[in-house]
Amino acid sequence: MHLHATTALWLLPFVAPIALWVAWTDMKWMKIHNKAVLALVAVYLVIGFFALPLQAWAWGWVSLVVVLVLGFVLSSVGLMGGGDAKFAAAMAPFIALGDLSLFLMLLAGVTLVSFISHRVVRSIPAAQKLAPDWESWHRREFPMGLALGPSLLFYLILATVFGNTAA
């Protein structure tokens, strides 16, 4: 992995609650709140500045803009929700460019498992009774935050274990 293990370790405690909150709120309300997007951007702005080399930190902002534009286009044609697009853009700076293909495979796997798990669990009446007010139980759309947040979280966990440790 290209992301330095120490960098991932610095980012992980700040990213984890945001990623989990996104998964939960998207299941409950089928919405990724702007507060979560702004919180993730703030983590990158502050913690990323100290945890990353300056050049890598600066290039992260470029990736945010690229993914935001791409997400806006996908959202405009109905292929992605607006909150999903904004959160994906906020996630982008955290992914080392050299790890992009690895991250995309991780995202695909997490999305598949999340989708199947969500559909199976929502078909169980007892599960619906535990969270009867969750919007995602009743909507055709999949709460993509359930895959996006955990994918970033798993990526950072993998980077803490397998990330670059060279100085």
Protein backbone atom coordinates (compact mmCIF):
# COMPACT_ATOMS: atom_id res chain seq x y z
CA MET A 1 0.00 0.00 0.00
CA HIS A 2 1.17 3.50 -0.76
CA LEU A 3 -0.47 5.28 2.17
CA HIS A 4 1.99 5.47 5.04
CA ALA A 5 0.91 3.39 8.06
CA THR A 6 1.57 6.27 10.46
CA THR A 7 -0.55 8.62 8.36
CA ALA A 8 -3.43 6.14 8.36
CA LEU A 9 -3.09 5.73 12.11
CA TRP A 10 -3.32 9.50 12.59
CA LEU A 11 -6.41 9.77 10.40
CA LEU A 12 -8.27 6.68 11.59
CA PRO A 13 -9.62 7.90 14.97
CA PHE A 14 -11.05 11.04 13.36
CA VAL A 15 -12.47 9.35 10.25
CA ALA A 16 -14.00 6.31 12.00
CA PRO A 17 -16.89 8.08 13.79
CA ILE A 18 -17.76 10.06 10.66
CA ALA A 19 -17.72 6.94 8.46
CA LEU A 20 -19.93 5.03 10.89
CA TRP A 21 -22.29 7.99 11.29
CA VAL A 22 -22.67 8.20 7.50
CA ALA A 23 -23.56 4.50 7.28
CA TRP A 24 -26.12 4.83 10.08
CA THR A 25 -27.74 8.08 8.91
CA ASP A 26 -28.03 6.85 5.34
CA MET A 27 -29.84 3.72 6.54
CA LYS A 28 -32.08 5.70 8.87
CA TRP A 29 -32.93 8.72 6.69
CA MET A 30 -31.55 7.75 3.23
CA LYS A 31 -29.51 10.93 3.48
CA ILE A 32 -25.85 11.75 3.96
CA HIS A 33 -25.88 15.00 5.86
CA ASN A 34 -23.71 17.91 4.77
CA LYS A 35 -22.33 18.00 8.34
CA ALA A 36 -20.69 14.63 7.71
CA VAL A 37 -19.18 15.81 4.43
CA LEU A 38 -17.87 19.00 6.04
CA ALA A 39 -16.54 17.09 9.05
CA LEU A 40 -14.58 14.73 6.78
CA VAL A 41 -13.19 17.67 4.80
CA ALA A 42 -12.21 19.36 8.09
CA VAL A 43 -10.36 16.22 9.20
CA TYR A 44 -8.40 16.23 5.95
CA LEU A 45 -7.75 19.96 6.21
CA VAL A 46 -6.38 19.84 9.75
CA ILE A 47 -5.14 16.31 10.52
CA GLY A 48 -4.12 15.63 6.92
CA PHE A 49 -1.98 18.77 6.92
CA PHE A 50 0.07 17.39 9.81
CA ALA A 51 -0.06 13.70 8.85
CA LEU A 52 0.83 13.97 5.14
CA PRO A 53 3.76 15.45 3.25
CA LEU A 54 2.74 18.90 1.97
CA GLN A 55 2.78 17.87 -1.70
CA ALA A 56 0.58 14.81 -1.08
CA TRP A 57 -1.79 16.90 1.04
CA ALA A 58 -2.10 19.50 -1.72
CA TRP A 59 -2.75 16.86 -4.41
CA GLY A 60 -5.52 15.48 -2.20
CA TRP A 61 -7.48 18.69 -2.80
CA VAL A 62 -7.20 18.13 -6.53
CA SER A 63 -8.67 14.63 -6.13
CA LEU A 64 -11.54 16.09 -4.09
CA VAL A 65 -12.39 18.50 -6.92
CA VAL A 66 -12.11 15.81 -9.62
CA VAL A 67 -14.39 13.41 -7.73
CA LEU A 68 -16.82 16.23 -6.91
CA VAL A 69 -17.16 17.15 -10.60
CA LEU A 70 -17.54 13.49 -11.60
CA GLY A 71 -20.07 12.95 -8.81
CA PHE A 72 -22.01 16.04 -9.86
CA VAL A 73 -22.28 14.69 -13.41
CA LEU A 74 -23.36 11.23 -12.17
CA SER A 75 -25.87 12.80 -9.80
CA SER A 76 -27.24 15.04 -12.55
CA VAL A 77 -28.08 12.03 -14.72
CA GLY A 78 -29.56 10.09 -11.80
CA LEU A 79 -26.81 7.50 -11.37
CA MET A 80 -25.78 8.64 -7.91
CA GLY A 81 -27.34 10.55 -5.06
CA GLY A 82 -26.13 14.06 -4.30
CA GLY A 83 -25.06 13.18 -0.77
CA ASP A 84 -23.21 10.13 -2.04
CA ALA A 85 -21.38 12.30 -4.59
CA LYS A 86 -20.39 14.89 -1.99
CA PHE A 87 -19.23 12.27 0.50
CA ALA A 88 -17.23 10.42 -2.17
CA ALA A 89 -15.53 13.71 -3.00
CA ALA A 90 -14.73 14.28 0.68
CA MET A 91 -13.30 10.74 0.86
CA ALA A 92 -11.09 11.15 -2.22
CA PRO A 93 -8.16 12.99 -0.59
CA PHE A 94 -7.71 10.19 1.92
CA ILE A 95 -6.96 7.63 -0.81
CA ALA A 96 -3.34 7.53 -1.99
CA LEU A 97 -3.26 7.68 -5.78
CA GLY A 98 -1.11 4.54 -5.89
CA ASP A 99 -3.83 2.72 -3.94
CA LEU A 100 -6.70 3.79 -6.20
CA SER A 101 -7.20 0.42 -7.92
CA LEU A 102 -6.98 -1.37 -4.56
CA PHE A 103 -9.51 1.04 -3.06
CA LEU A 104 -11.91 0.64 -5.98
CA MET A 105 -11.78 -3.15 -5.57
CA LEU A 106 -12.36 -2.73 -1.84
CA LEU A 107 -15.28 -0.38 -2.53
CA ALA A 108 -16.79 -2.86 -4.99
CA GLY A 109 -16.53 -5.71 -2.49
CA VAL A 110 -17.91 -3.68 0.41
CA THR A 111 -20.74 -2.39 -1.78
CA LEU A 112 -21.70 -5.92 -2.82
CA VAL A 113 -21.62 -7.25 0.75
CA SER A 114 -23.46 -4.18 2.08
CA PHE A 115 -26.15 -4.41 -0.58
CA ILE A 116 -26.79 -8.13 -0.03
CA SER A 117 -26.68 -7.79 3.76
CA HIS A 118 -29.04 -4.81 3.73
CA ARG A 119 -31.54 -6.58 1.48
CA VAL A 120 -31.44 -9.78 3.54
CA VAL A 121 -31.75 -8.01 6.90
CA ARG A 122 -34.57 -5.75 5.76
CA SER A 123 -36.55 -8.83 4.69
CA ILE A 124 -36.54 -10.09 8.28
CA PRO A 125 -39.54 -8.69 10.19
CA ALA A 126 -37.72 -8.88 13.54
CA ALA A 127 -34.92 -6.68 12.17
CA GLN A 128 -37.41 -4.12 10.92
CA LYS A 129 -39.00 -4.03 14.37
CA LEU A 130 -35.62 -3.13 15.91
CA ALA A 131 -35.45 0.01 13.75
CA PRO A 132 -39.00 0.56 12.46
CA ASP A 133 -38.38 4.17 11.45
CA TRP A 134 -35.45 3.45 9.12
CA GLU A 135 -36.25 4.86 5.71
CA SER A 136 -33.99 2.37 3.92
CA TRP A 137 -36.24 -0.55 4.86
CA HIS A 138 -38.99 0.88 2.71
CA ARG A 139 -37.17 2.44 -0.24
CA ARG A 140 -36.10 0.85 -3.50
CA GLU A 141 -32.79 2.77 -3.48
CA PHE A 142 -29.77 1.42 -1.66
CA PRO A 143 -28.24 3.57 1.10
CA MET A 144 -24.79 3.94 -0.50
CA GLY A 145 -23.42 5.49 2.70
CA LEU A 146 -23.57 1.96 4.09
CA ALA A 147 -20.78 1.10 1.62
CA LEU A 148 -18.92 4.41 1.29
CA GLY A 149 -18.22 5.01 4.98
CA PRO A 150 -17.06 1.48 5.79
CA SER A 151 -14.92 1.35 2.62
CA LEU A 152 -12.92 4.37 3.75
CA LEU A 153 -12.71 2.93 7.25
CA PHE A 154 -11.48 -0.47 6.00
CA TYR A 155 -8.96 1.22 3.69
CA LEU A 156 -7.43 3.15 6.59
CA ILE A 157 -7.38 0.04 8.78
CA LEU A 158 -5.62 -1.92 6.03
CA ALA A 159 -3.13 0.92 5.60
CA THR A 160 -2.30 0.90 9.32
CA VAL A 161 -1.43 -2.79 9.03
CA PHE A 162 0.01 -3.06 5.52
CA GLY A 163 0.88 0.54 4.69
CA ASN A 164 4.25 1.87 3.74
CA THR A 165 6.54 2.15 6.78
CA ALA A 166 9.65 3.52 5.04
CA ALA A 167 10.66 6.99 6.15
